[in-house]
Amino acid sequence: MAGPVDTRPSDGPVTPPAHGTALFTLMLLGFVLEGLVLSAVLIHMVTLTVELVLGSSGLLVASLFGPAQVASRLVNMLFGKQITQTSLAIVAACLLVLGLAVLTATAPWLPGAITFAILFGKGSGLISIVSGTLPLVLFGKHNYGARLGWVTASKQLSSAAAPFSLALAFAWLGGLPSLWITVATGAAGILAFAAIAVFNRRDRLRASGVGKGLIEV
């Protein structure tokens, strides 16, 4: 009779139990922070175009977001096997932050706003994919539904709070300072995903060292 089949994802080891809580917390934190950035910007897109004096060009900028989102998903479908899901989460978060930083630094320059729409749209498309795949890669299929539920609930809570928070920031601080705070929030999300990558790399190196020791013995 055949033995049990290993159904774990192939692009990385399932997280050791000792690191499970830490990595799960980091993963939730990353998704919450990027969800804050994404929701705040999308809900206040019209307000941003007015605040940054983009005028009617804001309509062009907003119209580029959807195609960029679709394009990122298409590229991931074609070439996604070449990159781990942890790395993809970092890339997605970096695209969100970079796009918003370009907008904040160059407004009201139209090419900068167009660059923002393309980068931010690509980041949004990728983060929506990796929010479902990263828990599976890190922790395997066991309790995957529960973990995905935590991720979804956390993102929904942050998405609900983000528009209100950015509106208050606009009222108290003005447009550009509020956007730089949002950039910093997204950068913190990048650090959370990068910490996950560091944990995983350390585990792989440790496992490799153990394997070599067994061979030498």
Protein backbone atom coordinates (compact mmCIF):
# COMPACT_ATOMS: atom_id res chain seq x y z
CA MET A 1 0.00 0.00 0.00
CA ALA A 2 1.38 3.39 -1.00
CA GLY A 3 2.60 5.72 1.72
CA PRO A 4 1.24 9.19 2.36
CA VAL A 5 1.82 11.75 -0.39
CA ASP A 6 3.58 15.01 0.50
CA THR A 7 1.21 17.79 -0.57
CA ARG A 8 3.28 20.72 0.65
CA PRO A 9 4.13 23.54 -1.81
CA SER A 10 7.40 22.98 -3.65
CA ASP A 11 8.93 26.51 -3.51
CA GLY A 12 9.94 26.44 0.13
CA PRO A 13 9.80 24.42 3.33
CA VAL A 14 6.81 24.67 5.62
CA THR A 15 7.64 26.90 8.57
CA PRO A 16 9.08 25.09 11.63
CA PRO A 17 6.69 25.18 14.60
CA ALA A 18 9.18 27.23 16.63
CA HIS A 19 8.89 30.09 14.14
CA GLY A 20 5.22 29.68 13.31
CA THR A 21 3.82 32.36 15.60
CA ALA A 22 6.51 34.92 14.73
CA LEU A 23 6.16 34.43 10.98
CA PHE A 24 2.38 34.43 11.11
CA THR A 25 2.46 37.72 13.03
CA LEU A 26 4.90 39.22 10.54
CA MET A 27 2.77 38.04 7.63
CA LEU A 28 -0.40 39.56 9.10
CA LEU A 29 1.44 42.79 9.85
CA GLY A 30 2.72 43.03 6.29
CA PHE A 31 -0.71 42.51 4.78
CA VAL A 32 -2.36 44.91 7.23
CA LEU A 33 0.12 47.70 6.47
CA GLU A 34 -0.04 47.25 2.71
CA GLY A 35 -3.83 47.03 2.94
CA LEU A 36 -3.85 50.40 4.72
CA VAL A 37 -1.80 51.97 1.95
CA LEU A 38 -3.80 50.41 -0.87
CA SER A 39 -7.24 51.20 0.50
CA ALA A 40 -6.37 54.73 1.62
CA VAL A 41 -5.03 55.71 -1.78
CA LEU A 42 -7.75 54.07 -3.87
CA ILE A 43 -10.64 55.51 -1.86
CA HIS A 44 -9.13 59.00 -1.92
CA MET A 45 -7.92 58.91 -5.53
CA VAL A 46 -10.11 61.87 -6.52
CA THR A 47 -9.07 63.81 -3.42
CA LEU A 48 -5.43 63.12 -4.24
CA THR A 49 -5.72 64.44 -7.77
CA VAL A 50 -7.33 67.63 -6.46
CA GLU A 51 -4.87 68.02 -3.59
CA LEU A 52 -1.88 67.53 -5.91
CA VAL A 53 -3.27 69.94 -8.52
CA LEU A 54 -3.44 67.34 -11.29
CA GLY A 55 -6.77 68.68 -12.58
CA SER A 56 -8.42 66.77 -15.41
CA SER A 57 -5.21 64.71 -15.84
CA GLY A 58 -6.28 62.85 -12.72
CA LEU A 59 -8.84 60.99 -14.81
CA LEU A 60 -6.05 59.65 -17.03
CA VAL A 61 -4.03 58.62 -14.01
CA ALA A 62 -6.97 56.80 -12.43
CA SER A 63 -7.78 55.00 -15.71
CA LEU A 64 -4.30 53.43 -15.85
CA PHE A 65 -4.63 51.67 -12.52
CA GLY A 66 -6.89 48.83 -13.71
CA PRO A 67 -4.84 47.87 -16.81
CA ALA A 68 -1.63 47.89 -14.75
CA GLN A 69 -3.27 45.60 -12.20
CA VAL A 70 -4.31 43.13 -14.90
CA ALA A 71 -0.88 43.28 -16.56
CA SER A 72 0.89 42.38 -13.32
CA ARG A 73 -1.33 39.33 -12.87
CA LEU A 74 -0.66 38.24 -16.44
CA VAL A 75 3.10 38.59 -16.01
CA ASN A 76 2.92 36.62 -12.76
CA MET A 77 0.92 33.88 -14.46
CA LEU A 78 3.54 33.57 -17.22
CA PHE A 79 6.72 33.96 -15.18
CA GLY A 80 5.64 33.51 -11.55
CA LYS A 81 7.31 30.12 -11.20
CA GLN A 82 10.69 31.83 -11.30
CA ILE A 83 10.15 33.67 -8.00
CA THR A 84 9.17 32.48 -4.52
CA GLN A 85 5.99 33.79 -2.94
CA THR A 86 7.95 35.49 -0.17
CA SER A 87 9.96 37.39 -2.75
CA LEU A 88 6.78 38.19 -4.66
CA ALA A 89 5.27 39.71 -1.51
CA ILE A 90 8.34 41.94 -1.15
CA VAL A 91 8.15 42.96 -4.81
CA ALA A 92 4.44 43.77 -4.52
CA ALA A 93 4.95 45.88 -1.41
CA CYS A 94 7.89 47.69 -3.00
CA LEU A 95 5.82 48.54 -6.09
CA LEU A 96 3.08 50.07 -3.92
CA VAL A 97 5.55 52.14 -1.91
CA LEU A 98 7.68 53.15 -4.89
CA GLY A 99 4.64 54.24 -6.89
CA LEU A 100 3.31 56.38 -4.07
CA ALA A 101 6.76 57.85 -3.37
CA VAL A 102 7.11 58.84 -7.03
CA LEU A 103 3.72 60.55 -6.94
CA THR A 104 4.52 62.41 -3.73
CA ALA A 105 7.97 63.52 -4.87
CA THR A 106 7.00 64.67 -8.38
CA ALA A 107 3.45 66.09 -8.03
CA PRO A 108 1.95 67.80 -9.97
CA TRP A 109 4.21 66.46 -12.76
CA LEU A 110 2.00 64.33 -15.03
CA PRO A 111 4.64 61.73 -16.05
CA GLY A 112 5.29 61.11 -12.36
CA ALA A 113 1.57 60.59 -11.74
CA ILE A 114 1.38 58.16 -14.67
CA THR A 115 4.37 56.25 -13.29
CA PHE A 116 2.60 56.12 -9.94
CA ALA A 117 -0.56 54.64 -11.48
CA ILE A 118 1.38 51.92 -13.30
CA LEU A 119 3.57 50.93 -10.34
CA PHE A 120 0.76 51.13 -7.81
CA GLY A 121 -1.58 49.13 -10.04
CA LYS A 122 1.03 46.41 -10.52
CA GLY A 123 1.65 46.24 -6.79
CA SER A 124 -2.06 45.95 -6.11
CA GLY A 125 -2.46 43.10 -8.58
CA LEU A 126 0.41 41.15 -7.05
CA ILE A 127 -0.53 41.72 -3.41
CA SER A 128 -3.99 40.31 -4.06
CA ILE A 129 -2.40 37.11 -5.40
CA VAL A 130 0.23 36.68 -2.72
CA SER A 131 -2.27 37.18 0.11
CA GLY A 132 -3.68 33.78 -0.84
CA THR A 133 -0.47 31.97 -1.75
CA LEU A 134 1.95 33.11 0.96
CA PRO A 135 0.09 31.46 3.87
CA LEU A 136 0.04 28.19 1.92
CA VAL A 137 3.75 28.33 1.16
CA LEU A 138 4.78 29.26 4.69
CA PHE A 139 2.52 26.93 6.67
CA GLY A 140 1.27 24.24 4.30
CA LYS A 141 -2.29 23.02 3.78
CA HIS A 142 -2.99 22.21 7.42
CA ASN A 143 -5.33 24.89 8.82
CA TYR A 144 -4.89 26.87 5.60
CA GLY A 145 -8.52 28.01 5.64
CA ALA A 146 -8.23 29.41 9.16
CA ARG A 147 -5.02 31.26 8.35
CA LEU A 148 -6.49 32.67 5.15
CA GLY A 149 -9.49 33.81 7.18
CA TRP A 150 -7.18 35.71 9.53
CA VAL A 151 -5.43 37.34 6.58
CA THR A 152 -8.71 38.33 4.95
CA ALA A 153 -10.22 39.68 8.17
CA SER A 154 -7.09 41.68 8.96
CA LYS A 155 -7.01 43.20 5.47
CA GLN A 156 -10.69 44.09 5.67
CA LEU A 157 -10.26 45.81 9.03
CA SER A 158 -7.28 47.81 7.80
CA SER A 159 -9.11 48.66 4.58
CA ALA A 160 -12.05 49.95 6.59
CA ALA A 161 -9.86 52.12 8.82
CA ALA A 162 -7.56 53.45 6.10
CA PRO A 163 -9.87 55.95 4.32
CA PHE A 164 -10.93 57.54 7.62
CA SER A 165 -7.31 57.74 8.81
CA LEU A 166 -6.07 59.37 5.60
CA ALA A 167 -8.98 61.82 5.60
CA LEU A 168 -8.04 62.93 9.12
CA ALA A 169 -4.40 63.26 8.06
CA PHE A 170 -5.41 65.40 5.08
CA ALA A 171 -7.43 67.67 7.36
CA TRP A 172 -4.72 68.04 10.02
CA LEU A 173 -1.47 67.84 8.07
CA GLY A 174 -2.25 68.51 4.42
CA GLY A 175 -1.71 66.41 1.32
CA LEU A 176 2.02 65.87 0.95
CA PRO A 177 2.84 65.16 4.63
CA SER A 178 -0.06 62.70 4.74
CA LEU A 179 1.24 60.91 1.66
CA TRP A 180 4.76 60.65 3.09
CA ILE A 181 3.30 59.08 6.23
CA THR A 182 1.49 56.60 3.98
CA VAL A 183 4.77 55.85 2.20
CA ALA A 184 6.41 55.17 5.58
CA THR A 185 3.54 52.83 6.48
CA GLY A 186 4.07 50.86 3.30
CA ALA A 187 7.82 50.73 3.94
CA ALA A 188 7.13 49.13 7.32
CA GLY A 189 5.15 46.46 5.47
CA ILE A 190 8.17 45.80 3.24
CA LEU A 191 10.29 45.25 6.34
CA ALA A 192 7.77 42.72 7.68
CA PHE A 193 7.92 40.66 4.48
CA ALA A 194 11.71 41.00 4.34
CA ALA A 195 11.94 39.64 7.90
CA ILE A 196 9.99 36.57 6.75
CA ALA A 197 12.51 36.06 3.94
CA VAL A 198 15.39 36.30 6.43
CA PHE A 199 13.77 33.70 8.71
CA ASN A 200 13.24 31.35 5.77
CA ARG A 201 16.79 31.76 4.49
CA ARG A 202 18.19 31.06 7.95
CA ASP A 203 16.09 27.91 8.21
CA ARG A 204 17.29 26.67 4.82
CA LEU A 205 20.92 27.29 5.70
CA ARG A 206 20.47 25.53 9.03
CA ALA A 207 18.80 22.54 7.36
CA SER A 208 21.57 22.42 4.76
CA GLY A 209 24.21 22.40 7.48
CA VAL A 210 22.48 19.56 9.33
CA GLY A 211 22.30 17.55 6.12
CA LYS A 212 26.02 17.98 5.45
CA GLY A 213 26.87 16.91 8.98
CA LEU A 214 24.88 13.72 8.60
CA ILE A 215 26.60 12.93 5.32
CA GLU A 216 30.07 13.43 6.83
CA VAL A 217 29.23 11.16 9.78
